[in-house]
N, C-alpha and C. Protein backbone atom coordinates (compact mmCIF):
# COMPACT_ATOMS: atom_id res chain seq x y z
N MET A 1 -13.49 15.76 -17.02
CA MET A 1 -13.34 14.21 -16.53
C MET A 1 -14.89 13.58 -16.99
N GLU A 2 -14.42 12.71 -16.89
CA GLU A 2 -15.64 11.35 -17.05
C GLU A 2 -15.96 10.64 -15.76
N GLN A 3 -17.17 10.34 -15.14
CA GLN A 3 -17.34 9.67 -14.51
C GLN A 3 -17.23 8.34 -14.83
N ALA A 4 -16.71 7.40 -13.56
CA ALA A 4 -16.69 6.22 -13.90
C ALA A 4 -17.87 5.66 -13.10
N ASP A 5 -17.96 3.71 -13.55
CA ASP A 5 -19.05 3.23 -12.87
C ASP A 5 -18.68 3.21 -11.26
N ASN A 6 -19.50 2.99 -10.22
CA ASN A 6 -19.47 2.62 -9.24
C ASN A 6 -18.57 0.96 -9.13
N THR A 7 -18.36 0.37 -9.91
CA THR A 7 -17.84 -1.35 -10.43
C THR A 7 -17.33 -1.89 -9.64
N CYS A 8 -15.97 -1.03 -9.64
CA CYS A 8 -14.65 -1.75 -8.17
C CYS A 8 -15.31 -1.03 -6.78
N CYS A 9 -15.65 -0.33 -6.77
CA CYS A 9 -15.70 0.83 -5.06
C CYS A 9 -16.62 -1.02 -4.32
N PRO A 10 -15.53 -0.80 -3.04
CA PRO A 10 -16.83 -2.18 -2.57
C PRO A 10 -17.89 -1.58 -1.30
N PRO A 11 -18.70 -1.60 -1.33
CA PRO A 11 -19.91 -1.20 -0.72
C PRO A 11 -19.90 -0.13 0.71
N PRO A 12 -20.67 1.16 0.63
CA PRO A 12 -20.20 2.00 1.56
C PRO A 12 -20.64 1.11 2.61
N GLN A 13 -20.12 1.83 4.22
CA GLN A 13 -20.87 0.87 5.81
C GLN A 13 -22.03 2.40 5.84
N ASN A 14 -22.86 1.19 6.78
CA ASN A 14 -23.53 1.78 7.37
C ASN A 14 -23.35 2.72 7.67
N THR A 15 -24.29 3.82 8.48
CA THR A 15 -23.55 5.64 9.35
C THR A 15 -23.26 4.64 10.43
N PRO A 16 -21.94 5.17 10.85
CA PRO A 16 -21.14 4.67 11.93
C PRO A 16 -21.81 5.49 13.62
N LEU A 17 -22.01 4.84 14.43
CA LEU A 17 -23.02 5.47 16.12
C LEU A 17 -21.66 6.55 16.50
N LEU A 18 -22.18 7.98 16.61
CA LEU A 18 -21.70 8.67 17.15
C LEU A 18 -21.17 7.63 18.35
N PRO A 19 -20.00 8.05 19.02
CA PRO A 19 -19.68 7.91 20.48
C PRO A 19 -20.69 8.09 21.64
N GLU A 20 -21.34 7.01 22.72
CA GLU A 20 -21.60 7.30 24.05
C GLU A 20 -21.06 8.38 24.84
N SER A 21 -19.59 8.64 24.87
CA SER A 21 -19.58 9.66 26.01
C SER A 21 -18.64 11.21 25.17
N GLN A 22 -18.60 12.48 25.75
CA GLN A 22 -18.09 13.11 25.02
C GLN A 22 -16.54 13.59 25.05
N GLU A 23 -15.88 12.25 26.04
CA GLU A 23 -14.44 12.16 25.54
C GLU A 23 -13.88 11.11 25.11
N ALA A 24 -15.45 10.11 24.18
CA ALA A 24 -14.84 9.35 23.21
C ALA A 24 -15.18 10.02 22.22
N SER A 25 -15.78 11.45 21.81
CA SER A 25 -16.42 11.68 21.05
C SER A 25 -14.83 12.39 20.52
N ASP A 26 -14.78 12.95 21.48
CA ASP A 26 -13.76 14.49 21.42
C ASP A 26 -12.81 13.44 20.81
N GLU A 27 -12.41 12.40 21.72
CA GLU A 27 -11.16 11.64 20.49
C GLU A 27 -10.90 11.21 19.22
N LEU A 28 -12.15 11.14 18.85
CA LEU A 28 -12.15 10.41 17.26
C LEU A 28 -12.24 11.53 16.57
N LEU A 29 -13.24 12.73 16.85
CA LEU A 29 -12.82 13.89 16.14
C LEU A 29 -11.40 14.09 16.19
N ALA A 30 -10.77 13.93 17.18
CA ALA A 30 -9.32 14.60 17.04
C ALA A 30 -8.34 13.63 16.29
N GLN A 31 -8.38 12.40 16.12
CA GLN A 31 -8.37 11.16 14.84
C GLN A 31 -8.46 11.75 13.89
N MET A 32 -9.86 11.81 12.98
CA MET A 32 -10.64 12.51 12.53
C MET A 32 -9.64 13.60 11.65
N ALA A 33 -9.59 14.62 12.18
CA ALA A 33 -8.97 15.43 12.15
C ALA A 33 -7.40 15.82 11.98
N LYS A 34 -6.52 14.75 12.45
CA LYS A 34 -5.13 15.06 12.15
C LYS A 34 -5.01 13.69 11.04
N ALA A 35 -6.10 13.07 10.26
CA ALA A 35 -6.42 11.91 9.49
C ALA A 35 -6.28 13.42 8.26
N LEU A 36 -6.78 14.08 8.33
CA LEU A 36 -7.32 15.77 7.84
C LEU A 36 -6.71 16.54 7.27
N GLY A 37 -5.23 16.44 8.05
CA GLY A 37 -4.39 17.80 8.56
C GLY A 37 -3.57 18.05 7.43
N HIS A 38 -3.57 17.60 6.34
CA HIS A 38 -2.66 17.44 5.41
C HIS A 38 -3.53 18.32 4.13
N PRO A 39 -2.88 19.61 3.74
CA PRO A 39 -3.80 19.67 2.41
C PRO A 39 -3.51 19.10 1.68
N ALA A 40 -2.94 18.12 0.59
CA ALA A 40 -2.85 16.85 -0.33
C ALA A 40 -4.26 16.04 0.50
N ARG A 41 -4.26 15.71 1.48
CA ARG A 41 -5.98 14.66 1.87
C ARG A 41 -7.05 15.86 1.53
N ILE A 42 -6.88 16.94 1.82
CA ILE A 42 -8.61 17.41 1.64
C ILE A 42 -8.51 17.70 0.21
N ALA A 43 -7.86 17.90 -0.93
CA ALA A 43 -7.92 17.35 -2.06
C ALA A 43 -7.92 16.50 -2.66
N ILE A 44 -7.65 15.49 -1.84
CA ILE A 44 -7.78 13.95 -2.55
C ILE A 44 -9.53 13.76 -2.05
N LEU A 45 -9.79 13.84 -0.97
CA LEU A 45 -11.74 14.38 -1.16
C LEU A 45 -12.07 14.84 -1.83
N ARG A 46 -11.95 15.74 -1.99
CA ARG A 46 -12.24 17.09 -2.92
C ARG A 46 -12.62 16.34 -4.83
N ILE A 47 -11.44 15.49 -4.66
CA ILE A 47 -10.89 14.74 -6.06
C ILE A 47 -12.63 13.58 -6.18
N LEU A 48 -12.04 12.85 -5.29
CA LEU A 48 -13.14 11.82 -4.72
C LEU A 48 -15.10 11.85 -4.46
N THR A 49 -14.84 12.72 -4.05
CA THR A 49 -16.35 13.22 -4.06
C THR A 49 -17.10 13.98 -5.28
N ARG A 50 -15.89 14.21 -6.55
CA ARG A 50 -16.16 14.33 -7.81
C ARG A 50 -16.23 13.22 -8.47
N ARG A 51 -16.13 12.15 -8.01
CA ARG A 51 -16.23 11.32 -9.16
C ARG A 51 -16.74 9.88 -8.11
N THR A 52 -17.26 8.95 -8.84
CA THR A 52 -17.47 7.69 -8.31
C THR A 52 -16.35 6.90 -7.13
N GLU A 53 -15.10 6.85 -8.25
CA GLU A 53 -14.40 5.60 -9.15
C GLU A 53 -13.04 6.91 -8.93
N CYS A 54 -12.21 6.03 -8.81
CA CYS A 54 -10.89 7.23 -8.60
C CYS A 54 -9.08 5.99 -8.43
N VAL A 55 -8.64 5.47 -9.79
CA VAL A 55 -7.74 4.68 -9.43
C VAL A 55 -6.38 5.93 -9.47
N CYS A 56 -6.00 5.29 -7.86
CA CYS A 56 -4.73 6.41 -7.90
C CYS A 56 -3.93 6.63 -8.86
N GLY A 57 -3.51 6.28 -10.01
CA GLY A 57 -2.95 7.13 -11.53
C GLY A 57 -3.88 7.93 -11.54
N GLU A 58 -5.22 8.09 -11.65
CA GLU A 58 -5.67 9.54 -11.54
C GLU A 58 -5.55 10.68 -11.13
N ILE A 59 -5.66 9.95 -9.68
CA ILE A 59 -5.07 11.16 -8.97
C ILE A 59 -4.44 11.66 -9.13
N VAL A 60 -3.03 10.74 -9.06
CA VAL A 60 -1.74 11.57 -9.23
C VAL A 60 -1.50 12.55 -10.71
N GLU A 61 -2.60 12.70 -11.44
CA GLU A 61 -2.42 12.94 -12.80
C GLU A 61 -3.16 14.14 -12.38
N GLU A 62 -4.02 14.73 -11.18
CA GLU A 62 -4.46 15.51 -10.79
C GLU A 62 -3.73 16.82 -9.47
N LEU A 63 -2.76 15.93 -8.96
CA LEU A 63 -1.58 16.50 -8.24
C LEU A 63 -0.77 16.91 -8.89
N PRO A 64 -0.27 17.99 -8.33
CA PRO A 64 1.41 18.11 -8.33
C PRO A 64 2.14 17.48 -6.88
N LEU A 65 2.13 16.64 -7.46
CA LEU A 65 2.61 14.86 -6.74
C LEU A 65 3.24 13.95 -6.63
N ALA A 66 4.53 12.91 -6.13
CA ALA A 66 4.66 11.97 -6.92
C ALA A 66 3.64 10.84 -6.65
N GLN A 67 3.54 9.91 -7.13
CA GLN A 67 3.09 8.39 -7.02
C GLN A 67 3.21 8.59 -5.24
N SER A 68 4.20 8.02 -4.93
CA SER A 68 4.17 7.87 -3.83
C SER A 68 4.05 8.39 -2.55
N THR A 69 4.29 9.60 -2.72
CA THR A 69 3.15 10.55 -1.61
C THR A 69 1.74 10.41 -1.81
N VAL A 70 1.07 10.37 -2.74
CA VAL A 70 -0.53 10.36 -2.91
C VAL A 70 -0.19 9.15 -2.33
N SER A 71 0.15 7.96 -2.32
CA SER A 71 -0.07 6.39 -2.40
C SER A 71 -0.52 6.63 -0.59
N GLN A 72 0.36 7.17 0.25
CA GLN A 72 0.97 7.59 1.54
C GLN A 72 -0.30 7.95 2.09
N HIS A 73 -1.00 9.23 1.33
CA HIS A 73 -1.73 10.18 2.13
C HIS A 73 -3.14 9.15 1.36
N LEU A 74 -3.55 8.31 0.06
CA LEU A 74 -4.87 7.76 0.06
C LEU A 74 -4.78 6.15 1.53
N LYS A 75 -3.59 6.61 1.74
CA LYS A 75 -3.06 4.77 2.79
C LYS A 75 -4.02 5.66 4.14
N ILE A 76 -3.01 6.74 4.60
CA ILE A 76 -3.86 7.55 5.74
C ILE A 76 -5.40 7.82 5.85
N LEU A 77 -5.97 8.25 4.83
CA LEU A 77 -7.33 8.58 4.29
C LEU A 77 -7.97 7.67 4.99
N LYS A 78 -7.18 6.14 3.61
CA LYS A 78 -8.39 4.85 4.29
C LYS A 78 -8.26 3.91 5.38
N LYS A 79 -6.94 4.23 6.25
CA LYS A 79 -7.10 4.32 7.53
C LYS A 79 -7.83 4.64 8.17
N ALA A 80 -7.57 5.77 8.21
CA ALA A 80 -8.72 7.32 8.82
C ALA A 80 -10.42 6.59 8.48
N GLY A 81 -11.02 6.20 7.78
CA GLY A 81 -12.21 5.40 7.70
C GLY A 81 -12.42 6.43 6.40
N PHE A 82 -12.15 7.38 5.77
CA PHE A 82 -12.84 8.58 4.48
C PHE A 82 -13.05 7.17 3.75
N ILE A 83 -11.85 7.40 3.54
CA ILE A 83 -12.13 6.38 1.76
C ILE A 83 -12.59 5.01 1.83
N ARG A 84 -12.37 4.38 0.92
CA ARG A 84 -12.97 2.90 1.28
C ARG A 84 -12.14 2.62 -0.63
N GLY A 85 -10.82 1.44 -0.19
CA GLY A 85 -10.10 1.45 -1.64
C GLY A 85 -10.34 -0.43 -1.79
N GLU A 86 -10.08 -1.23 -3.11
CA GLU A 86 -10.34 -1.89 -3.38
C GLU A 86 -9.72 -2.96 -4.63
N VAL A 87 -8.72 -3.37 -4.02
CA VAL A 87 -7.80 -3.63 -5.39
C VAL A 87 -8.67 -4.53 -6.48
N ASP A 88 -8.52 -3.98 -7.99
CA ASP A 88 -8.95 -4.62 -8.78
C ASP A 88 -7.70 -4.69 -10.07
N GLY A 89 -6.99 -5.55 -9.85
CA GLY A 89 -6.43 -6.46 -11.52
C GLY A 89 -5.41 -5.38 -10.70
N PRO A 90 -5.02 -4.55 -11.46
CA PRO A 90 -3.42 -4.14 -11.22
C PRO A 90 -3.67 -2.46 -10.51
N ARG A 91 -4.90 -2.70 -10.73
CA ARG A 91 -5.07 -0.79 -10.70
C ARG A 91 -5.95 -1.44 -9.04
N VAL A 92 -5.80 0.12 -8.35
CA VAL A 92 -6.53 0.45 -6.66
C VAL A 92 -7.53 1.06 -6.82
N CYS A 93 -8.64 1.15 -7.04
CA CYS A 93 -10.25 1.72 -6.43
C CYS A 93 -10.13 2.23 -5.32
N TYR A 94 -10.71 3.88 -5.19
CA TYR A 94 -10.79 4.40 -4.21
C TYR A 94 -12.16 5.17 -4.66
N CYS A 95 -12.60 5.13 -3.52
CA CYS A 95 -14.25 6.09 -3.02
C CYS A 95 -13.81 7.07 -1.52
N ILE A 96 -15.05 7.86 -1.78
CA ILE A 96 -15.20 8.64 -0.75
C ILE A 96 -15.93 6.99 0.55
N GLU A 97 -15.78 7.32 2.03
CA GLU A 97 -17.02 6.26 2.30
C GLU A 97 -17.57 7.16 2.69
N PRO A 98 -19.05 6.98 2.73
CA PRO A 98 -20.31 8.89 2.58
C PRO A 98 -20.57 8.84 4.20
N ALA A 99 -20.67 7.37 5.18
CA ALA A 99 -21.13 7.51 6.30
C ALA A 99 -19.54 7.79 7.14
N TYR A 100 -18.74 8.03 6.85
CA TYR A 100 -17.64 8.82 7.65
C TYR A 100 -17.32 9.94 7.29
N ILE A 101 -17.98 10.36 6.17
CA ILE A 101 -18.26 11.96 6.19
C ILE A 101 -18.74 12.36 6.52
N GLU A 102 -20.31 11.82 7.00
CA GLU A 102 -21.04 12.08 7.91
C GLU A 102 -21.34 12.63 9.31
N LEU A 103 -20.41 11.01 9.97
CA LEU A 103 -20.23 11.29 10.87
C LEU A 103 -19.54 12.09 11.16
N PHE A 104 -17.71 12.65 10.52
CA PHE A 104 -17.37 13.90 10.94
C PHE A 104 -18.06 15.50 10.98
N LYS A 105 -19.04 15.08 10.23
CA LYS A 105 -20.16 16.63 10.30
C LYS A 105 -20.68 16.30 11.73
N SER A 106 -20.96 15.57 11.77
CA SER A 106 -22.24 15.75 12.79
C SER A 106 -21.20 15.56 13.53
N LEU A 107 -20.15 15.11 14.42
CA LEU A 107 -19.17 15.79 15.30
C LEU A 107 -18.36 17.11 15.46
N VAL A 108 -17.64 17.92 14.41
CA VAL A 108 -17.65 19.10 14.30
C VAL A 108 -18.89 20.12 14.61
N SER A 109 -19.39 19.89 13.98
CA SER A 109 -21.35 20.39 14.95
C SER A 109 -21.65 20.39 15.71
N GLN A 110 -20.78 19.39 17.13
CA GLN A 110 -20.96 19.63 18.49
C GLN A 110 -20.13 20.32 18.82
N LEU A 111 -19.48 20.91 18.33
CA LEU A 111 -18.09 21.96 18.78
C LEU A 111 -19.06 23.39 19.61
């Protein structure tokens, strides 16, 4: 597939800081793991990692799931912070949130 440009994705966030306490780190890691707790969400992240932008319809084409199911998984990933998305006319563009992926990696590395 051809990679699209990054014109409709909002700018990436700054890298969030690690929580100050171990309890807060554990709570955040648990919330992040819960958001990743479905194979379809992992597949969506893999799709978005390969591309600089993606609209929901293109994600649906790559997964054996209904549009409404993919939309629900995207909503969960966006709420958790793993992806960012923006309405661009009749479509919604989704992109990986690299800072949040790095935060997740950092929390996992503390296990």
